[in-house]
Amino acid sequence: MRILCLLFLSVIPAPLALAETRVFVSLAGTLLEAEITAVTGDNVTLRRVNDEQSLVVNRKTLCKEDNAHILGWMEKNPDKSIAPTTTGAPAPVQKYSLACQTQPSKSNRGPNDGFTRTFETTYAFHISNREVQRDLQGAKGLLITLAKNAAETSGDLIVLQKQEFEVSIRAQSKMVHTTQPVQLTYYQGMPRSGVRSHGYVLYVLDANGNILLAESSPDGNTKFAKEIMAITEVPCVVDRDFKLQPKADVPLSYIQF
C-alpha cells in the first residue's frame, strides 16, 4: 500500500508557478498592481491583477526600480521581449477613442452699463475615454489659454497660460481638469484698451508624444502644435501662426493671475 501511495503522489503534477506580480509606480505617483506579459521596445504590456485587463505602458513613465525589474524580466523571458531599436523610428500610435467637453466660465466684476469691466475666466475640460476595455495610462494634457489686446487691430494673440497635466483615465470613464482663474480688464469706450479672452488650445498626448486628441476655440488653432509646444515662457505675445513676437509687450496692467 505504501508503494502505491508513493506512485500516486509521483504522478500528481506540480502546481503551476504563480505569476510574478508587482506594484508598478509611475513618475506621476500612480500605482498599478500587474504582471508583465510582453516587452516591445520601450512599451511594456501589463496585465492588471484586479480584472486581468491588459494595457500598454511606456517604460519611460515608470520609476527606476520598475525599469530594473523590467530588464530582469526580459533576461528571463527573451522569447517575449523585443529590445528597443536604434533607428530612431517613432513608436506606432495607439489610437484611443477620446472626447472632450469644454465648459468656459466667466464672472463679471463690473457694472453692465459701465465702460470698464473685469472678467474672471476659467475653463473646465471634461475628457472622456470611450474605450470599452482599454485604460489610458501615462498620457498628458497640454493646453494654453489665449487673450487679445483690445487696443490693437493686428492679429497678435496673448498666451496667458501654458499647463501640462497627467491624463490617466480608465475605460468608460472621464476626468476633469480646470484652469486657474485669470482676471482680464478692458475698456468698452473709445479708444478701446485692455485685454479680452480669446479661447484655448488643448492636446492630449501619449507617452511618446503622439497626439491622441486636439481641440481649440476658435477652431483651426490645433494645427500649430509644433509652435505651441515650443512656447517656454508665458505670458507672451504670438502671431496668428503662434510664432513668438519677442519685441511685443504683454499688457500686464490689464491681467491678474
C-alpha atoms as a PDB file:
ATOM      1  CA  MET A   1       0.000   0.000   0.000  1.00  0.00           C
ATOM      2  CA  ARG A   2       2.839   2.404   0.835  1.00  0.00           C
ATOM      3  CA  ILE A   3       4.380   1.774  -2.587  1.00  0.00           C
ATOM      4  CA  LEU A   4       1.064   2.541  -4.296  1.00  0.00           C
ATOM      5  CA  CYS A   5       0.727   5.821  -2.373  1.00  0.00           C
ATOM      6  CA  LEU A   6       4.213   6.883  -3.389  1.00  0.00           C
ATOM      7  CA  LEU A   7       3.491   6.046  -7.017  1.00  0.00           C
ATOM      8  CA  PHE A   8       0.243   8.036  -6.845  1.00  0.00           C
ATOM      9  CA  LEU A   9       1.978  11.078  -5.405  1.00  0.00           C
ATOM     10  CA  SER A  10       4.690  10.916  -8.034  1.00  0.00           C
ATOM     11  CA  VAL A  11       2.231  11.415 -10.893  1.00  0.00           C
ATOM     12  CA  ILE A  12       0.438  14.437  -9.366  1.00  0.00           C
ATOM     13  CA  PRO A  13       1.553  17.450 -11.463  1.00  0.00           C
ATOM     14  CA  ALA A  14       3.407  20.173  -9.645  1.00  0.00           C
ATOM     15  CA  PRO A  15       1.320  23.299  -9.063  1.00  0.00           C
ATOM     16  CA  LEU A  16       1.666  25.944 -11.738  1.00  0.00           C
ATOM     17  CA  ALA A  17       4.071  28.698 -10.848  1.00  0.00           C
ATOM     18  CA  LEU A  18       2.332  31.801  -9.598  1.00  0.00           C
ATOM     19  CA  ALA A  19       2.541  34.814 -11.855  1.00  0.00           C
ATOM     20  CA  GLU A  20       5.115  37.376 -10.735  1.00  0.00           C
ATOM     21  CA  THR A  21       3.041  40.423  -9.903  1.00  0.00           C
ATOM     22  CA  ARG A  22       4.354  43.798  -8.827  1.00  0.00           C
ATOM     23  CA  VAL A  23       3.023  47.207  -7.847  1.00  0.00           C
ATOM     24  CA  PHE A  24       4.331  49.466 -10.611  1.00  0.00           C
ATOM     25  CA  VAL A  25       4.814  53.149  -9.798  1.00  0.00           C
ATOM     26  CA  SER A  26       4.656  55.862 -12.481  1.00  0.00           C
ATOM     27  CA  LEU A  27       6.748  59.027 -12.326  1.00  0.00           C
ATOM     28  CA  ALA A  28       3.497  60.848 -11.586  1.00  0.00           C
ATOM     29  CA  GLY A  29       2.957  58.678  -8.490  1.00  0.00           C
ATOM     30  CA  THR A  30       0.103  56.459  -9.703  1.00  0.00           C
ATOM     31  CA  LEU A  31       0.120  52.782  -8.635  1.00  0.00           C
ATOM     32  CA  LEU A  32      -0.790  49.691 -10.643  1.00  0.00           C
ATOM     33  CA  GLU A  33      -0.575  46.084  -9.447  1.00  0.00           C
ATOM     34  CA  ALA A  34       0.105  43.929 -12.500  1.00  0.00           C
ATOM     35  CA  GLU A  35       2.319  41.326 -14.135  1.00  0.00           C
ATOM     36  CA  ILE A  36       4.431  41.740 -17.262  1.00  0.00           C
ATOM     37  CA  THR A  37       3.293  39.725 -20.271  1.00  0.00           C
ATOM     38  CA  ALA A  38       5.455  41.233 -23.037  1.00  0.00           C
ATOM     39  CA  VAL A  39       8.030  43.937 -23.745  1.00  0.00           C
ATOM     40  CA  THR A  40       8.338  45.545 -27.169  1.00  0.00           C
ATOM     41  CA  GLY A  41      10.926  48.283 -27.353  1.00  0.00           C
ATOM     42  CA  ASP A  42      10.009  50.913 -24.783  1.00  0.00           C
ATOM     43  CA  ASN A  43       6.464  49.598 -24.411  1.00  0.00           C
ATOM     44  CA  VAL A  44       5.557  47.140 -21.642  1.00  0.00           C
ATOM     45  CA  THR A  45       2.343  45.118 -21.742  1.00  0.00           C
ATOM     46  CA  LEU A  46       0.937  44.703 -18.244  1.00  0.00           C
ATOM     47  CA  ARG A  47      -1.947  42.501 -17.118  1.00  0.00           C
ATOM     48  CA  ARG A  48      -3.763  44.178 -14.258  1.00  0.00           C
ATOM     49  CA  VAL A  49      -4.373  41.966 -11.224  1.00  0.00           C
ATOM     50  CA  ASN A  50      -7.843  43.137 -10.234  1.00  0.00           C
ATOM     51  CA  ASP A  51      -9.584  42.491 -13.582  1.00  0.00           C
ATOM     52  CA  GLU A  52      -6.893  40.829 -15.787  1.00  0.00           C
ATOM     53  CA  GLN A  53      -7.197  43.583 -18.406  1.00  0.00           C
ATOM     54  CA  SER A  54      -4.073  44.262 -20.484  1.00  0.00           C
ATOM     55  CA  LEU A  55      -2.672  47.722 -21.066  1.00  0.00           C
ATOM     56  CA  VAL A  56       0.472  49.087 -22.685  1.00  0.00           C
ATOM     57  CA  VAL A  57       2.704  51.452 -20.693  1.00  0.00           C
ATOM     58  CA  ASN A  58       5.834  53.257 -21.839  1.00  0.00           C
ATOM     59  CA  ARG A  59       8.862  52.316 -19.737  1.00  0.00           C
ATOM     60  CA  LYS A  60       9.948  55.966 -19.577  1.00  0.00           C
ATOM     61  CA  THR A  61       6.866  56.765 -17.483  1.00  0.00           C
ATOM     62  CA  LEU A  62       7.821  54.265 -14.759  1.00  0.00           C
ATOM     63  CA  CYS A  63      10.202  54.653 -11.818  1.00  0.00           C
ATOM     64  CA  LYS A  64      13.849  53.492 -11.814  1.00  0.00           C
ATOM     65  CA  GLU A  65      13.135  50.387  -9.731  1.00  0.00           C
ATOM     66  CA  ASP A  66      10.380  49.277 -12.124  1.00  0.00           C
ATOM     67  CA  ASN A  67      12.710  49.641 -15.116  1.00  0.00           C
ATOM     68  CA  ALA A  68      15.306  47.465 -13.356  1.00  0.00           C
ATOM     69  CA  HIS A  69      12.595  44.861 -12.757  1.00  0.00           C
ATOM     70  CA  ILE A  70      11.603  45.018 -16.441  1.00  0.00           C
ATOM     71  CA  LEU A  71      15.189  44.414 -17.557  1.00  0.00           C
ATOM     72  CA  GLY A  72      15.388  41.387 -15.267  1.00  0.00           C
ATOM     73  CA  TRP A  73      12.122  40.057 -16.674  1.00  0.00           C
ATOM     74  CA  MET A  74      13.449  40.484 -20.246  1.00  0.00           C
ATOM     75  CA  GLU A  75      16.525  38.413 -19.397  1.00  0.00           C
ATOM     76  CA  LYS A  76      14.314  35.626 -18.052  1.00  0.00           C
ATOM     77  CA  ASN A  77      11.825  35.837 -20.941  1.00  0.00           C
ATOM     78  CA  PRO A  78      13.787  36.531 -24.149  1.00  0.00           C
ATOM     79  CA  ASP A  79      11.036  34.935 -26.236  1.00  0.00           C
ATOM     80  CA  LYS A  80       8.571  37.624 -25.070  1.00  0.00           C
ATOM     81  CA  SER A  81      10.930  40.580 -25.368  1.00  0.00           C
ATOM     82  CA  ILE A  82      11.994  42.802 -28.246  1.00  0.00           C
ATOM     83  CA  ALA A  83      14.745  45.272 -27.413  1.00  0.00           C
ATOM     84  CA  PRO A  84      14.391  48.945 -28.447  1.00  0.00           C
ATOM     85  CA  THR A  85      15.617  49.726 -31.948  1.00  0.00           C
ATOM     86  CA  THR A  86      18.351  52.286 -32.537  1.00  0.00           C
ATOM     87  CA  THR A  87      16.926  53.573 -35.818  1.00  0.00           C
ATOM     88  CA  GLY A  88      15.141  56.446 -34.098  1.00  0.00           C
ATOM     89  CA  ALA A  89      11.853  55.483 -35.701  1.00  0.00           C
ATOM     90  CA  PRO A  90       8.862  56.732 -33.681  1.00  0.00           C
ATOM     91  CA  ALA A  91       6.754  54.222 -31.809  1.00  0.00           C
ATOM     92  CA  PRO A  92       3.456  53.388 -33.519  1.00  0.00           C
ATOM     93  CA  VAL A  93       0.471  55.432 -32.408  1.00  0.00           C
ATOM     94  CA  GLN A  94      -2.064  53.528 -30.337  1.00  0.00           C
ATOM     95  CA  LYS A  95      -5.306  55.307 -31.115  1.00  0.00           C
ATOM     96  CA  TYR A  96      -7.858  55.883 -28.382  1.00  0.00           C
ATOM     97  CA  SER A  97     -11.466  56.945 -28.638  1.00  0.00           C
ATOM     98  CA  LEU A  98     -11.354  60.157 -26.620  1.00  0.00           C
ATOM     99  CA  ALA A  99     -13.755  63.072 -26.373  1.00  0.00           C
ATOM    100  CA  CYS A 100     -13.702  66.397 -24.571  1.00  0.00           C
ATOM    101  CA  GLN A 101     -16.470  68.695 -23.417  1.00  0.00           C
ATOM    102  CA  THR A 102     -15.198  72.168 -22.557  1.00  0.00           C
ATOM    103  CA  GLN A 103     -17.051  74.438 -20.164  1.00  0.00           C
ATOM    104  CA  PRO A 104     -15.834  78.051 -20.117  1.00  0.00           C
ATOM    105  CA  SER A 105     -16.811  80.193 -17.151  1.00  0.00           C
ATOM    106  CA  LYS A 106     -16.847  83.973 -16.829  1.00  0.00           C
ATOM    107  CA  SER A 107     -17.786  86.138 -13.872  1.00  0.00           C
ATOM    108  CA  ASN A 108     -18.359  89.830 -14.433  1.00  0.00           C
ATOM    109  CA  ARG A 109     -16.777  92.196 -11.926  1.00  0.00           C
ATOM    110  CA  GLY A 110     -18.042  95.445 -13.397  1.00  0.00           C
ATOM    111  CA  PRO A 111     -21.414  97.133 -13.988  1.00  0.00           C
ATOM    112  CA  ASN A 112     -23.178  96.063 -17.196  1.00  0.00           C
ATOM    113  CA  ASP A 113     -23.555  99.683 -18.284  1.00  0.00           C
ATOM    114  CA  GLY A 114     -20.046 100.689 -17.257  1.00  0.00           C
ATOM    115  CA  PHE A 115     -17.166 101.323 -19.624  1.00  0.00           C
ATOM    116  CA  THR A 116     -14.556  99.408 -17.602  1.00  0.00           C
ATOM    117  CA  ARG A 117     -15.258  95.724 -16.991  1.00  0.00           C
ATOM    118  CA  THR A 118     -13.259  92.910 -15.402  1.00  0.00           C
ATOM    119  CA  PHE A 119     -13.970  89.265 -16.148  1.00  0.00           C
ATOM    120  CA  GLU A 120     -12.575  86.270 -14.265  1.00  0.00           C
ATOM    121  CA  THR A 121     -12.180  83.439 -16.774  1.00  0.00           C
ATOM    122  CA  THR A 122     -11.654  79.686 -16.280  1.00  0.00           C
ATOM    123  CA  TYR A 123     -12.036  76.556 -18.411  1.00  0.00           C
ATOM    124  CA  ALA A 124     -13.093  73.085 -17.267  1.00  0.00           C
ATOM    125  CA  PHE A 125     -12.082  70.258 -19.628  1.00  0.00           C
ATOM    126  CA  HIS A 126     -14.129  67.034 -19.230  1.00  0.00           C
ATOM    127  CA  ILE A 127     -12.013  64.394 -21.017  1.00  0.00           C
ATOM    128  CA  SER A 128     -13.703  61.016 -21.625  1.00  0.00           C
ATOM    129  CA  ASN A 129     -12.143  57.658 -22.509  1.00  0.00           C
ATOM    130  CA  ARG A 130     -14.755  55.927 -24.682  1.00  0.00           C
ATOM    131  CA  GLU A 131     -12.785  52.696 -24.993  1.00  0.00           C
ATOM    132  CA  VAL A 132     -14.755  49.684 -23.776  1.00  0.00           C
ATOM    133  CA  GLN A 133     -11.809  47.830 -22.200  1.00  0.00           C
ATOM    134  CA  ARG A 134      -8.588  49.819 -22.644  1.00  0.00           C
ATOM    135  CA  ASP A 135      -7.442  52.210 -19.920  1.00  0.00           C
ATOM    136  CA  LEU A 136      -5.436  55.270 -20.902  1.00  0.00           C
ATOM    137  CA  GLN A 137      -2.234  55.404 -18.850  1.00  0.00           C
ATOM    138  CA  GLY A 138       0.898  57.541 -18.989  1.00  0.00           C
ATOM    139  CA  ALA A 139      -0.611  60.266 -21.190  1.00  0.00           C
ATOM    140  CA  LYS A 140      -0.501  64.015 -20.555  1.00  0.00           C
ATOM    141  CA  GLY A 141      -2.591  67.039 -21.353  1.00  0.00           C
ATOM    142  CA  LEU A 142      -1.084  70.211 -22.787  1.00  0.00           C
ATOM    143  CA  LEU A 143      -3.131  73.394 -23.001  1.00  0.00           C
ATOM    144  CA  ILE A 144      -2.788  77.105 -23.489  1.00  0.00           C
ATOM    145  CA  THR A 145      -5.320  79.843 -22.809  1.00  0.00           C
ATOM    146  CA  LEU A 146      -5.443  82.895 -25.012  1.00  0.00           C
ATOM    147  CA  ALA A 147      -6.384  86.575 -24.928  1.00  0.00           C
ATOM    148  CA  LYS A 148      -6.324  89.506 -27.318  1.00  0.00           C
ATOM    149  CA  ASN A 149      -5.268  93.112 -26.831  1.00  0.00           C
ATOM    150  CA  ALA A 150      -8.457  95.140 -27.256  1.00  0.00           C
ATOM    151  CA  ALA A 151      -6.469  98.200 -28.334  1.00  0.00           C
ATOM    152  CA  GLU A 152      -4.719  96.555 -31.289  1.00  0.00           C
ATOM    153  CA  THR A 153      -6.196  95.707 -34.670  1.00  0.00           C
ATOM    154  CA  SER A 154      -3.398  93.254 -35.540  1.00  0.00           C
ATOM    155  CA  GLY A 155      -3.901  89.533 -35.298  1.00  0.00           C
ATOM    156  CA  ASP A 156      -1.435  89.055 -32.452  1.00  0.00           C
ATOM    157  CA  LEU A 157      -2.553  86.920 -29.511  1.00  0.00           C
ATOM    158  CA  ILE A 158      -1.525  86.794 -25.857  1.00  0.00           C
ATOM    159  CA  VAL A 159      -0.709  83.366 -24.429  1.00  0.00           C
ATOM    160  CA  LEU A 160      -1.886  83.691 -20.835  1.00  0.00           C
ATOM    161  CA  GLN A 161      -1.219  80.179 -19.520  1.00  0.00           C
ATOM    162  CA  LYS A 162       0.542  77.016 -20.611  1.00  0.00           C
ATOM    163  CA  GLN A 163      -0.201  73.968 -18.492  1.00  0.00           C
ATOM    164  CA  GLU A 164       0.725  70.286 -18.541  1.00  0.00           C
ATOM    165  CA  PHE A 165      -1.171  67.720 -16.502  1.00  0.00           C
ATOM    166  CA  GLU A 166      -1.331  63.939 -16.147  1.00  0.00           C
ATOM    167  CA  VAL A 167      -4.054  62.095 -18.057  1.00  0.00           C
ATOM    168  CA  SER A 168      -4.912  58.615 -16.753  1.00  0.00           C
ATOM    169  CA  ILE A 169      -8.483  57.517 -17.465  1.00  0.00           C
ATOM    170  CA  ARG A 170      -9.997  54.090 -17.037  1.00  0.00           C
ATOM    171  CA  ALA A 171     -12.154  52.672 -19.823  1.00  0.00           C
ATOM    172  CA  GLN A 172     -15.628  54.197 -19.992  1.00  0.00           C
ATOM    173  CA  SER A 173     -14.620  56.898 -17.513  1.00  0.00           C
ATOM    174  CA  LYS A 174     -13.659  60.569 -17.548  1.00  0.00           C
ATOM    175  CA  MET A 175     -11.528  63.138 -15.767  1.00  0.00           C
ATOM    176  CA  VAL A 176     -11.842  66.909 -15.323  1.00  0.00           C
ATOM    177  CA  HIS A 177      -9.043  69.465 -15.496  1.00  0.00           C
ATOM    178  CA  THR A 178      -9.841  73.088 -14.559  1.00  0.00           C
ATOM    179  CA  THR A 179      -7.557  76.017 -15.304  1.00  0.00           C
ATOM    180  CA  GLN A 180      -6.560  78.578 -12.715  1.00  0.00           C
ATOM    181  CA  PRO A 181      -8.705  81.741 -12.907  1.00  0.00           C
ATOM    182  CA  VAL A 182      -7.376  84.781 -14.751  1.00  0.00           C
ATOM    183  CA  GLN A 183      -8.848  88.286 -14.434  1.00  0.00           C
ATOM    184  CA  LEU A 184      -8.916  90.383 -17.595  1.00  0.00           C
ATOM    185  CA  THR A 185      -9.884  94.066 -17.695  1.00  0.00           C
ATOM    186  CA  TYR A 186     -10.898  96.093 -20.733  1.00  0.00           C
ATOM    187  CA  TYR A 187     -12.439  99.480 -21.524  1.00  0.00           C
ATOM    188  CA  GLN A 188     -15.532  99.433 -23.731  1.00  0.00           C
ATOM    189  CA  GLY A 189     -15.442 103.086 -24.727  1.00  0.00           C
ATOM    190  CA  MET A 190     -13.300 104.782 -27.341  1.00  0.00           C
ATOM    191  CA  PRO A 191     -10.421 104.480 -27.707  1.00  0.00           C
ATOM    192  CA  ARG A 192     -10.528 100.808 -26.730  1.00  0.00           C
ATOM    193  CA  SER A 193      -7.975  99.429 -24.307  1.00  0.00           C
ATOM    194  CA  GLY A 194      -7.387  96.366 -22.175  1.00  0.00           C
ATOM    195  CA  VAL A 195      -7.374  92.610 -22.738  1.00  0.00           C
ATOM    196  CA  ARG A 196     -10.211  90.245 -23.676  1.00  0.00           C
ATOM    197  CA  SER A 197     -10.404  86.432 -23.579  1.00  0.00           C
ATOM    198  CA  HIS A 198      -9.781  84.636 -26.881  1.00  0.00           C
ATOM    199  CA  GLY A 199     -10.114  80.886 -26.286  1.00  0.00           C
ATOM    200  CA  TYR A 200      -7.772  77.952 -25.770  1.00  0.00           C
ATOM    201  CA  VAL A 201      -5.890  75.075 -27.423  1.00  0.00           C
ATOM    202  CA  LEU A 202      -5.857  71.593 -25.856  1.00  0.00           C
ATOM    203  CA  TYR A 203      -3.902  68.443 -26.748  1.00  0.00           C
ATOM    204  CA  VAL A 204      -3.802  65.003 -25.142  1.00  0.00           C
ATOM    205  CA  LEU A 205      -0.528  63.205 -25.953  1.00  0.00           C
ATOM    206  CA  ASP A 206       0.591  59.643 -25.297  1.00  0.00           C
ATOM    207  CA  ALA A 207       3.896  58.777 -23.623  1.00  0.00           C
ATOM    208  CA  ASN A 208       5.700  59.013 -26.988  1.00  0.00           C
ATOM    209  CA  GLY A 209       4.351  62.488 -27.760  1.00  0.00           C
ATOM    210  CA  ASN A 210       1.755  61.339 -30.298  1.00  0.00           C
ATOM    211  CA  ILE A 211      -1.394  63.480 -30.315  1.00  0.00           C
ATOM    212  CA  LEU A 212      -4.461  61.478 -29.280  1.00  0.00           C
ATOM    213  CA  LEU A 213      -6.903  64.407 -29.017  1.00  0.00           C
ATOM    214  CA  ALA A 214      -6.797  68.015 -30.228  1.00  0.00           C
ATOM    215  CA  GLU A 215      -9.344  70.754 -29.592  1.00  0.00           C
ATOM    216  CA  SER A 216      -9.357  74.528 -29.806  1.00  0.00           C
ATOM    217  CA  SER A 217     -11.548  77.588 -29.708  1.00  0.00           C
ATOM    218  CA  PRO A 218     -11.598  79.287 -32.160  1.00  0.00           C
ATOM    219  CA  ASP A 219     -11.399  76.238 -34.429  1.00  0.00           C
ATOM    220  CA  GLY A 220      -8.277  75.622 -36.503  1.00  0.00           C
ATOM    221  CA  ASN A 221      -5.583  76.514 -33.991  1.00  0.00           C
ATOM    222  CA  THR A 222      -4.729  72.865 -33.264  1.00  0.00           C
ATOM    223  CA  LYS A 223      -2.691  72.700 -36.490  1.00  0.00           C
ATOM    224  CA  PHE A 224       0.027  74.795 -34.822  1.00  0.00           C
ATOM    225  CA  ALA A 225       1.040  72.027 -32.403  1.00  0.00           C
ATOM    226  CA  LYS A 226       4.780  72.355 -33.083  1.00  0.00           C
ATOM    227  CA  GLU A 227       4.779  76.104 -32.448  1.00  0.00           C
ATOM    228  CA  ILE A 228       2.598  75.816 -29.341  1.00  0.00           C
ATOM    229  CA  MET A 229       4.774  73.095 -27.821  1.00  0.00           C
ATOM    230  CA  ALA A 230       7.840  75.287 -28.404  1.00  0.00           C
ATOM    231  CA  ILE A 231       6.465  78.080 -26.188  1.00  0.00           C
ATOM    232  CA  THR A 232       8.504  78.080 -22.976  1.00  0.00           C
ATOM    233  CA  GLU A 233       7.581  81.257 -21.106  1.00  0.00           C
ATOM    234  CA  VAL A 234       4.169  82.780 -20.509  1.00  0.00           C
ATOM    235  CA  PRO A 235       2.560  85.230 -20.698  1.00  0.00           C
ATOM    236  CA  CYS A 236       3.866  86.117 -24.138  1.00  0.00           C
ATOM    237  CA  VAL A 237       2.695  87.532 -27.460  1.00  0.00           C
ATOM    238  CA  VAL A 238       2.435  85.366 -30.594  1.00  0.00           C
ATOM    239  CA  ASP A 239       1.137  85.977 -34.097  1.00  0.00           C
ATOM    240  CA  ARG A 240      -1.751  84.030 -35.634  1.00  0.00           C
ATOM    241  CA  ASP A 241       0.706  81.272 -36.632  1.00  0.00           C
ATOM    242  CA  PHE A 242       1.753  81.062 -32.952  1.00  0.00           C
ATOM    243  CA  LYS A 243       5.241  82.353 -33.634  1.00  0.00           C
ATOM    244  CA  LEU A 244       6.725  84.266 -30.718  1.00  0.00           C
ATOM    245  CA  GLN A 245       6.832  88.065 -31.065  1.00  0.00           C
ATOM    246  CA  PRO A 246       9.712  88.878 -28.682  1.00  0.00           C
ATOM    247  CA  LYS A 247       9.525  92.646 -29.192  1.00  0.00           C
ATOM    248  CA  ALA A 248       5.825  92.880 -28.367  1.00  0.00           C
ATOM    249  CA  ASP A 249       4.898  93.906 -24.833  1.00  0.00           C
ATOM    250  CA  VAL A 250       2.352  91.978 -22.796  1.00  0.00           C
ATOM    251  CA  PRO A 251      -0.171  94.456 -21.299  1.00  0.00           C
ATOM    252  CA  LEU A 252       0.223  93.119 -17.765  1.00  0.00           C
ATOM    253  CA  SER A 253      -1.633  96.045 -16.187  1.00  0.00           C
ATOM    254  CA  TYR A 254      -4.866  94.529 -17.535  1.00  0.00           C
ATOM    255  CA  ILE A 255      -4.095  90.927 -16.471  1.00  0.00           C
ATOM    256  CA  GLN A 256      -4.210  89.438 -12.994  1.00  0.00           C
ATOM    257  CA  PHE A 257      -3.328  85.784 -12.298  1.00  0.00           C
END
